[in-house]
PDB file of N, CA and C in Angstrom:
ATOM      1  N   UNK A   1     -10.142  13.974 -10.006  1.00  0.00           N
ATOM      2  CA  UNK A   1      -9.828  12.721  -9.503  1.00  0.00           C
ATOM      3  C   UNK A   1      -8.488  12.777  -8.681  1.00  0.00           C
ATOM      4  N   UNK A   2      -8.208  11.448  -8.203  1.00  0.00           N
ATOM      5  CA  UNK A   2      -7.125  11.369  -7.294  1.00  0.00           C
ATOM      6  C   UNK A   2      -5.796  11.488  -8.107  1.00  0.00           C
ATOM      7  N   UNK A   3      -4.926  12.181  -7.580  1.00  0.00           N
ATOM      8  CA  UNK A   3      -3.439  12.151  -8.349  1.00  0.00           C
ATOM      9  C   UNK A   3      -2.290  11.832  -7.307  1.00  0.00           C
ATOM     10  N   UNK A   4      -1.806  10.650  -7.274  1.00  0.00           N
ATOM     11  CA  UNK A   4      -0.871  10.189  -6.437  1.00  0.00           C
ATOM     12  C   UNK A   4       0.111   9.145  -7.122  1.00  0.00           C
ATOM     13  N   UNK A   5       1.242   8.988  -6.463  1.00  0.00           N
ATOM     14  CA  UNK A   5       2.221   7.893  -6.728  1.00  0.00           C
ATOM     15  C   UNK A   5       2.396   7.076  -5.539  1.00  0.00           C
ATOM     16  N   UNK A   6       2.510   5.662  -5.727  1.00  0.00           N
ATOM     17  CA  UNK A   6       2.909   4.871  -4.582  1.00  0.00           C
ATOM     18  C   UNK A   6       4.266   4.014  -5.010  1.00  0.00           C
ATOM     19  N   UNK A   7       5.158   4.248  -4.106  1.00  0.00           N
ATOM     20  CA  UNK A   7       6.403   3.638  -4.411  1.00  0.00           C
ATOM     21  C   UNK A   7       6.976   2.915  -3.156  1.00  0.00           C
ATOM     22  N   UNK A   8       8.159   2.114  -3.481  1.00  0.00           N
ATOM     23  CA  UNK A   8       8.724   1.424  -2.326  1.00  0.00           C
ATOM     24  C   UNK A   8       9.421   2.277  -1.383  1.00  0.00           C
ATOM     25  N   UNK A   9       9.611   1.877  -0.054  1.00  0.00           N
ATOM     26  CA  UNK A   9      10.190   2.577   0.801  1.00  0.00           C
ATOM     27  C   UNK A   9      10.774   1.748   1.778  1.00  0.00           C
ATOM     28  N   UNK A  10      11.837   1.068   1.351  1.00  0.00           N
ATOM     29  CA  UNK A  10      12.571  -0.098   2.106  1.00  0.00           C
ATOM     30  C   UNK A  10      11.576  -1.318   2.025  1.00  0.00           C
ATOM     31  N   UNK A  11      12.118  -2.379   2.683  1.00  0.00           N
ATOM     32  CA  UNK A  11      11.508  -3.731   2.510  1.00  0.00           C
ATOM     33  C   UNK A  11      10.179  -3.805   3.081  1.00  0.00           C
ATOM     34  N   UNK A  12       9.804  -2.967   4.275  1.00  0.00           N
ATOM     35  CA  UNK A  12       8.451  -3.128   4.899  1.00  0.00           C
ATOM     36  C   UNK A  12       7.665  -1.884   4.981  1.00  0.00           C
ATOM     37  N   UNK A  13       7.850  -1.089   3.923  1.00  0.00           N
ATOM     38  CA  UNK A  13       6.989   0.204   3.828  1.00  0.00           C
ATOM     39  C   UNK A  13       6.832   0.539   2.419  1.00  0.00           C
ATOM     40  N   UNK A  14       5.782   1.401   2.186  1.00  0.00           N
ATOM     41  CA  UNK A  14       5.719   1.954   0.857  1.00  0.00           C
ATOM     42  C   UNK A  14       5.520   3.568   1.258  1.00  0.00           C
ATOM     43  N   UNK A  15       5.621   4.390   0.232  1.00  0.00           N
ATOM     44  CA  UNK A  15       5.428   5.972   0.322  1.00  0.00           C
ATOM     45  C   UNK A  15       4.229   6.161  -0.637  1.00  0.00           C
ATOM     46  N   UNK A  16       3.434   6.988  -0.111  1.00  0.00           N
ATOM     47  CA  UNK A  16       2.548   7.675  -0.936  1.00  0.00           C
ATOM     48  C   UNK A  16       2.929   9.212  -1.180  1.00  0.00           C
ATOM     49  N   UNK A  17       2.933   9.408  -2.390  1.00  0.00           N
ATOM     50  CA  UNK A  17       3.373  10.760  -2.830  1.00  0.00           C
ATOM     51  C   UNK A  17       2.327  11.475  -3.769  1.00  0.00           C
ATOM     52  N   UNK A  18       1.840  12.670  -3.036  1.00  0.00           N
ATOM     53  CA  UNK A  18       0.824  13.450  -3.590  1.00  0.00           C
ATOM     54  C   UNK A  18       1.273  14.802  -3.716  1.00  0.00           C
ATOM     55  N   UNK A  19       1.604  15.012  -4.974  1.00  0.00           N
ATOM     56  CA  UNK A  19       2.217  16.419  -5.283  1.00  0.00           C
ATOM     57  C   UNK A  19       1.123  17.438  -5.095  1.00  0.00           C
ATOM     58  N   UNK A  20       1.484  18.537  -4.541  1.00  0.00           N
ATOM     59  CA  UNK A  20       0.560  19.612  -4.313  1.00  0.00           C
ATOM     60  C   UNK A  20      -0.020  19.551  -2.923  1.00  0.00           C
ATOM     61  N   UNK A  21       0.080  18.603  -2.159  1.00  0.00           N
ATOM     62  CA  UNK A  21      -0.469  18.465  -0.888  1.00  0.00           C
ATOM     63  C   UNK A  21       0.603  19.150   0.224  1.00  0.00           C
ATOM     64  N   UNK A  22      -0.071  19.665   1.291  1.00  0.00           N
ATOM     65  CA  UNK A  22       0.616  20.142   2.398  1.00  0.00           C
ATOM     66  C   UNK A  22       1.771  19.290   2.901  1.00  0.00           C
ATOM     67  N   UNK A  23       1.365  18.024   2.939  1.00  0.00           N
ATOM     68  CA  UNK A  23       2.269  16.922   3.327  1.00  0.00           C
ATOM     69  C   UNK A  23       2.408  15.937   2.172  1.00  0.00           C
ATOM     70  N   UNK A  24       3.335  16.192   1.245  1.00  0.00           N
ATOM     71  CA  UNK A  24       3.439  15.439  -0.077  1.00  0.00           C
ATOM     72  C   UNK A  24       3.866  14.035   0.065  1.00  0.00           C
ATOM     73  N   UNK A  25       4.634  13.684   1.063  1.00  0.00           N
ATOM     74  CA  UNK A  25       5.167  12.230   1.333  1.00  0.00           C
ATOM     75  C   UNK A  25       4.582  11.767   2.490  1.00  0.00           C
ATOM     76  N   UNK A  26       3.939  10.400   2.398  1.00  0.00           N
ATOM     77  CA  UNK A  26       3.446   9.733   3.545  1.00  0.00           C
ATOM     78  C   UNK A  26       3.939   8.415   3.615  1.00  0.00           C
ATOM     79  N   UNK A  27       4.877   8.061   4.498  1.00  0.00           N
ATOM     80  CA  UNK A  27       5.310   6.593   4.677  1.00  0.00           C
ATOM     81  C   UNK A  27       4.216   5.750   5.450  1.00  0.00           C
ATOM     82  N   UNK A  28       4.104   4.505   4.851  1.00  0.00           N
ATOM     83  CA  UNK A  28       3.099   3.679   5.449  1.00  0.00           C
ATOM     84  C   UNK A  28       3.992   2.427   5.631  1.00  0.00           C
ATOM     85  N   UNK A  29       3.846   1.970   6.998  1.00  0.00           N
ATOM     86  CA  UNK A  29       4.542   0.769   7.642  1.00  0.00           C
ATOM     87  C   UNK A  29       3.698  -0.169   7.222  1.00  0.00           C
ATOM     88  N   UNK A  30       4.229  -1.450   6.914  1.00  0.00           N
ATOM     89  CA  UNK A  30       3.602  -2.633   6.610  1.00  0.00           C
ATOM     90  C   UNK A  30       3.758  -3.658   7.572  1.00  0.00           C
ATOM     91  N   UNK A  31       2.775  -4.630   7.935  1.00  0.00           N
ATOM     92  CA  UNK A  31       2.869  -5.548   8.875  1.00  0.00           C
ATOM     93  C   UNK A  31       4.080  -6.552   8.629  1.00  0.00           C
ATOM     94  N   UNK A  32       4.356  -6.646   7.284  1.00  0.00           N
ATOM     95  CA  UNK A  32       5.373  -7.716   6.950  1.00  0.00           C
ATOM     96  C   UNK A  32       6.169  -7.189   5.679  1.00  0.00           C
ATOM     97  N   UNK A  33       7.267  -7.906   5.308  1.00  0.00           N
ATOM     98  CA  UNK A  33       7.839  -7.505   4.074  1.00  0.00           C
ATOM     99  C   UNK A  33       7.010  -7.407   2.937  1.00  0.00           C
ATOM    100  N   UNK A  34       7.164  -6.273   2.020  1.00  0.00           N
ATOM    101  CA  UNK A  34       6.375  -6.370   0.785  1.00  0.00           C
ATOM    102  C   UNK A  34       6.940  -7.071  -0.241  1.00  0.00           C
ATOM    103  N   UNK A  35       5.948  -7.783  -1.002  1.00  0.00           N
ATOM    104  CA  UNK A  35       6.142  -8.741  -2.104  1.00  0.00           C
ATOM    105  C   UNK A  35       5.965  -7.795  -3.431  1.00  0.00           C
ATOM    106  N   UNK A  36       4.812  -7.306  -3.447  1.00  0.00           N
ATOM    107  CA  UNK A  36       4.173  -6.621  -4.716  1.00  0.00           C
ATOM    108  C   UNK A  36       3.064  -5.697  -4.310  1.00  0.00           C
ATOM    109  N   UNK A  37       2.859  -4.663  -5.053  1.00  0.00           N
ATOM    110  CA  UNK A  37       1.681  -3.731  -4.749  1.00  0.00           C
ATOM    111  C   UNK A  37       1.331  -3.287  -6.194  1.00  0.00           C
ATOM    112  N   UNK A  38      -0.090  -2.825  -6.086  1.00  0.00           N
ATOM    113  CA  UNK A  38      -0.563  -2.538  -7.362  1.00  0.00           C
ATOM    114  C   UNK A  38      -1.808  -1.384  -7.000  1.00  0.00           C
ATOM    115  N   UNK A  39      -2.036  -0.462  -7.849  1.00  0.00           N
ATOM    116  CA  UNK A  39      -3.099   0.516  -7.537  1.00  0.00           C
ATOM    117  C   UNK A  39      -4.338   0.053  -8.407  1.00  0.00           C
ATOM    118  N   UNK A  40      -5.498   0.313  -7.641  1.00  0.00           N
ATOM    119  CA  UNK A  40      -6.852  -0.268  -8.214  1.00  0.00           C
ATOM    120  C   UNK A  40      -7.212   0.709  -9.370  1.00  0.00           C
ATOM    121  N   UNK A  41      -7.087   0.569 -10.643  1.00  0.00           N
ATOM    122  CA  UNK A  41      -7.640   1.524 -11.617  1.00  0.00           C
ATOM    123  C   UNK A  41      -9.064   1.743 -11.639  1.00  0.00           C
ATOM    124  N   UNK A  42      -9.842   0.969 -11.070  1.00  0.00           N
ATOM    125  CA  UNK A  42     -11.353   1.060 -11.086  1.00  0.00           C
ATOM    126  C   UNK A  42     -11.669   1.916  -9.943  1.00  0.00           C
ATOM    127  N   UNK A  43     -11.014   1.796  -8.849  1.00  0.00           N
ATOM    128  CA  UNK A  43     -11.357   2.381  -7.614  1.00  0.00           C
ATOM    129  C   UNK A  43      -9.979   3.046  -7.178  1.00  0.00           C
ATOM    130  N   UNK A  44      -9.679   4.117  -7.553  1.00  0.00           N
ATOM    131  CA  UNK A  44      -8.370   4.699  -7.457  1.00  0.00           C
ATOM    132  C   UNK A  44      -7.926   5.097  -5.886  1.00  0.00           C
ATOM    133  N   UNK A  45      -9.050   5.122  -5.111  1.00  0.00           N
ATOM    134  CA  UNK A  45      -8.692   5.395  -3.692  1.00  0.00           C
ATOM    135  C   UNK A  45      -8.118   4.288  -2.988  1.00  0.00           C
ATOM    136  N   UNK A  46      -8.029   2.961  -3.710  1.00  0.00           N
ATOM    137  CA  UNK A  46      -7.474   1.772  -3.091  1.00  0.00           C
ATOM    138  C   UNK A  46      -6.284   1.254  -3.705  1.00  0.00           C
ATOM    139  N   UNK A  47      -5.172   0.851  -3.038  1.00  0.00           N
ATOM    140  CA  UNK A  47      -3.976   0.117  -3.598  1.00  0.00           C
ATOM    141  C   UNK A  47      -4.047  -1.236  -2.760  1.00  0.00           C
ATOM    142  N   UNK A  48      -3.410  -2.296  -3.518  1.00  0.00           N
ATOM    143  CA  UNK A  48      -3.265  -3.587  -2.810  1.00  0.00           C
ATOM    144  C   UNK A  48      -1.972  -3.934  -2.633  1.00  0.00           C
ATOM    145  N   UNK A  49      -1.637  -4.458  -1.477  1.00  0.00           N
ATOM    146  CA  UNK A  49      -0.264  -4.882  -1.260  1.00  0.00           C
ATOM    147  C   UNK A  49      -0.161  -6.248  -0.720  1.00  0.00           C
ATOM    148  N   UNK A  50       0.707  -7.087  -1.491  1.00  0.00           N
ATOM    149  CA  UNK A  50       0.886  -8.374  -0.966  1.00  0.00           C
ATOM    150  C   UNK A  50       2.148  -8.478  -0.204  1.00  0.00           C
ATOM    151  N   UNK A  51       2.201  -9.220   0.878  1.00  0.00           N
ATOM    152  CA  UNK A  51       3.192  -9.188   1.830  1.00  0.00           C
ATOM    153  C   UNK A  51       3.834 -10.667   2.025  1.00  0.00           C
ATOM    154  N   UNK A  52       4.852 -10.910   2.571  1.00  0.00           N
ATOM    155  CA  UNK A  52       5.521 -12.071   2.753  1.00  0.00           C
ATOM    156  C   UNK A  52       4.812 -13.225   3.751  1.00  0.00           C
ATOM    157  N   UNK A  53       4.087 -12.574   4.503  1.00  0.00           N
ATOM    158  CA  UNK A  53       3.263 -13.337   5.402  1.00  0.00           C
ATOM    159  C   UNK A  53       2.103 -14.001   4.563  1.00  0.00           C
ATOM    160  N   UNK A  54       1.908 -13.799   3.362  1.00  0.00           N
ATOM    161  CA  UNK A  54       0.833 -14.452   2.654  1.00  0.00           C
ATOM    162  C   UNK A  54      -0.504 -13.603   2.522  1.00  0.00           C
ATOM    163  N   UNK A  55      -0.513 -12.402   3.108  1.00  0.00           N
ATOM    164  CA  UNK A  55      -1.544 -11.637   3.328  1.00  0.00           C
ATOM    165  C   UNK A  55      -1.762 -10.533   2.062  1.00  0.00           C
ATOM    166  N   UNK A  56      -2.856 -10.264   1.757  1.00  0.00           N
ATOM    167  CA  UNK A  56      -3.082  -9.278   0.629  1.00  0.00           C
ATOM    168  C   UNK A  56      -3.906  -8.098   1.506  1.00  0.00           C
ATOM    169  N   UNK A  57      -3.465  -6.905   1.404  1.00  0.00           N
ATOM    170  CA  UNK A  57      -3.855  -5.799   2.141  1.00  0.00           C
ATOM    171  C   UNK A  57      -4.563  -4.607   1.049  1.00  0.00           C
ATOM    172  N   UNK A  58      -5.642  -4.227   1.611  1.00  0.00           N
ATOM    173  CA  UNK A  58      -6.289  -3.214   0.875  1.00  0.00           C
ATOM    174  C   UNK A  58      -5.902  -1.861   1.693  1.00  0.00           C
ATOM    175  N   UNK A  59      -5.219  -1.078   0.948  1.00  0.00           N
ATOM    176  CA  UNK A  59      -4.817   0.327   1.433  1.00  0.00           C
ATOM    177  C   UNK A  59      -5.638   1.415   0.962  1.00  0.00           C
ATOM    178  N   UNK A  60      -6.159   2.223   1.907  1.00  0.00           N
ATOM    179  CA  UNK A  60      -6.957   3.423   1.559  1.00  0.00           C
ATOM    180  C   UNK A  60      -6.006   4.437   1.308  1.00  0.00           C
ATOM    181  N   UNK A  61      -5.694   5.000   0.240  1.00  0.00           N
ATOM    182  CA  UNK A  61      -4.727   5.970  -0.102  1.00  0.00           C
ATOM    183  C   UNK A  61      -5.163   7.353   0.369  1.00  0.00           C
ATOM    184  N   UNK A  62      -6.413   7.650   0.767  1.00  0.00           N
ATOM    185  CA  UNK A  62      -6.771   8.924   1.472  1.00  0.00           C
ATOM    186  C   UNK A  62      -6.650   8.922   2.845  1.00  0.00           C
ATOM    187  N   UNK A  63      -6.835   7.771   3.599  1.00  0.00           N
ATOM    188  CA  UNK A  63      -6.447   7.808   4.947  1.00  0.00           C
ATOM    189  C   UNK A  63      -5.052   7.342   5.291  1.00  0.00           C
ATOM    190  N   UNK A  64      -4.406   6.697   4.222  1.00  0.00           N
ATOM    191  CA  UNK A  64      -2.983   6.007   4.338  1.00  0.00           C
ATOM    192  C   UNK A  64      -3.178   4.997   5.404  1.00  0.00           C
ATOM    193  N   UNK A  65      -4.232   4.214   5.529  1.00  0.00           N
ATOM    194  CA  UNK A  65      -4.301   3.154   6.414  1.00  0.00           C
ATOM    195  C   UNK A  65      -4.698   1.764   5.622  1.00  0.00           C
ATOM    196  N   UNK A  66      -4.284   0.648   6.298  1.00  0.00           N
ATOM    197  CA  UNK A  66      -4.824  -0.686   5.645  1.00  0.00           C
ATOM    198  C   UNK A  66      -6.167  -0.884   6.143  1.00  0.00           C
ATOM    199  N   UNK A  67      -7.178  -0.915   5.511  1.00  0.00           N
ATOM    200  CA  UNK A  67      -8.590  -1.207   5.808  1.00  0.00           C
ATOM    201  C   UNK A  67      -8.815  -2.638   5.941  1.00  0.00           C
ATOM    202  N   UNK A  68      -8.429  -3.544   5.032  1.00  0.00           N
ATOM    203  CA  UNK A  68      -8.775  -4.786   5.039  1.00  0.00           C
ATOM    204  C   UNK A  68      -7.501  -5.567   4.780  1.00  0.00           C
ATOM    205  N   UNK A  69      -7.491  -6.852   5.280  1.00  0.00           N
ATOM    206  CA  UNK A  69      -6.434  -8.016   4.959  1.00  0.00           C
ATOM    207  C   UNK A  69      -7.172  -9.241   4.849  1.00  0.00           C
ATOM    208  N   UNK A  70      -6.453 -10.059   3.946  1.00  0.00           N
ATOM    209  CA  UNK A  70      -6.917 -11.455   3.799  1.00  0.00           C
ATOM    210  C   UNK A  70      -5.816 -12.411   3.604  1.00  0.00           C
ATOM    211  N   UNK A  71      -5.833 -13.528   4.034  1.00  0.00           N
ATOM    212  CA  UNK A  71      -4.709 -14.455   3.795  1.00  0.00           C
ATOM    213  C   UNK A  71      -5.021 -15.151   2.628  1.00  0.00           C
ATOM    214  N   UNK A  72      -3.969 -14.859   1.668  1.00  0.00           N
ATOM    215  CA  UNK A  72      -3.975 -15.691   0.339  1.00  0.00           C
ATOM    216  C   UNK A  72      -3.168 -17.032   0.297  1.00  0.00           C
ATOM    217  N   UNK A  73      -2.099 -17.076   0.911  1.00  0.00           N
ATOM    218  CA  UNK A  73      -1.156 -18.089   0.743  1.00  0.00           C
ATOM    219  C   UNK A  73      -0.508 -18.291   2.253  1.00  0.00           C
ATOM    220  N   UNK A  74       0.248 -19.512   2.317  1.00  0.00           N
ATOM    221  CA  UNK A  74       1.047 -19.625   3.423  1.00  0.00           C
ATOM    222  C   UNK A  74       2.225 -18.632   3.351  1.00  0.00           C
ATOM    223  N   UNK A  75       3.014 -18.265   4.579  1.00  0.00           N
ATOM    224  CA  UNK A  75       4.014 -17.278   4.519  1.00  0.00           C
ATOM    225  C   UNK A  75       5.138 -17.715   3.492  1.00  0.00           C
ATOM    226  N   UNK A  76       5.887 -16.808   3.107  1.00  0.00           N
ATOM    227  CA  UNK A  76       6.884 -16.950   2.015  1.00  0.00           C
ATOM    228  C   UNK A  76       8.262 -17.609   2.867  1.00  0.00           C
ATOM    229  N   UNK A  77       8.366 -16.914   4.006  1.00  0.00           N
ATOM    230  CA  UNK A  77       9.566 -17.240   4.675  1.00  0.00           C
ATOM    231  C   UNK A  77       9.412 -17.398   6.286  1.00  0.00           C
TER     232      UNK A  77
END
């Protein structure tokens, strides 16, 4: 299975930590300031990040890229 940690990295980025990898830390820049994020326990290759612009982003933790985004609300600020 996948073993990783996802954490805050400033207001507009997250960090993917993968112990044992040749490149254990990967910084992922977000299109807007982060509000909240969560890992998908049913499909661990994905994490979801909600940003201040009202978008929910699906992050593929294998490629470290946002694959999909959907507008949920109006922007927060």
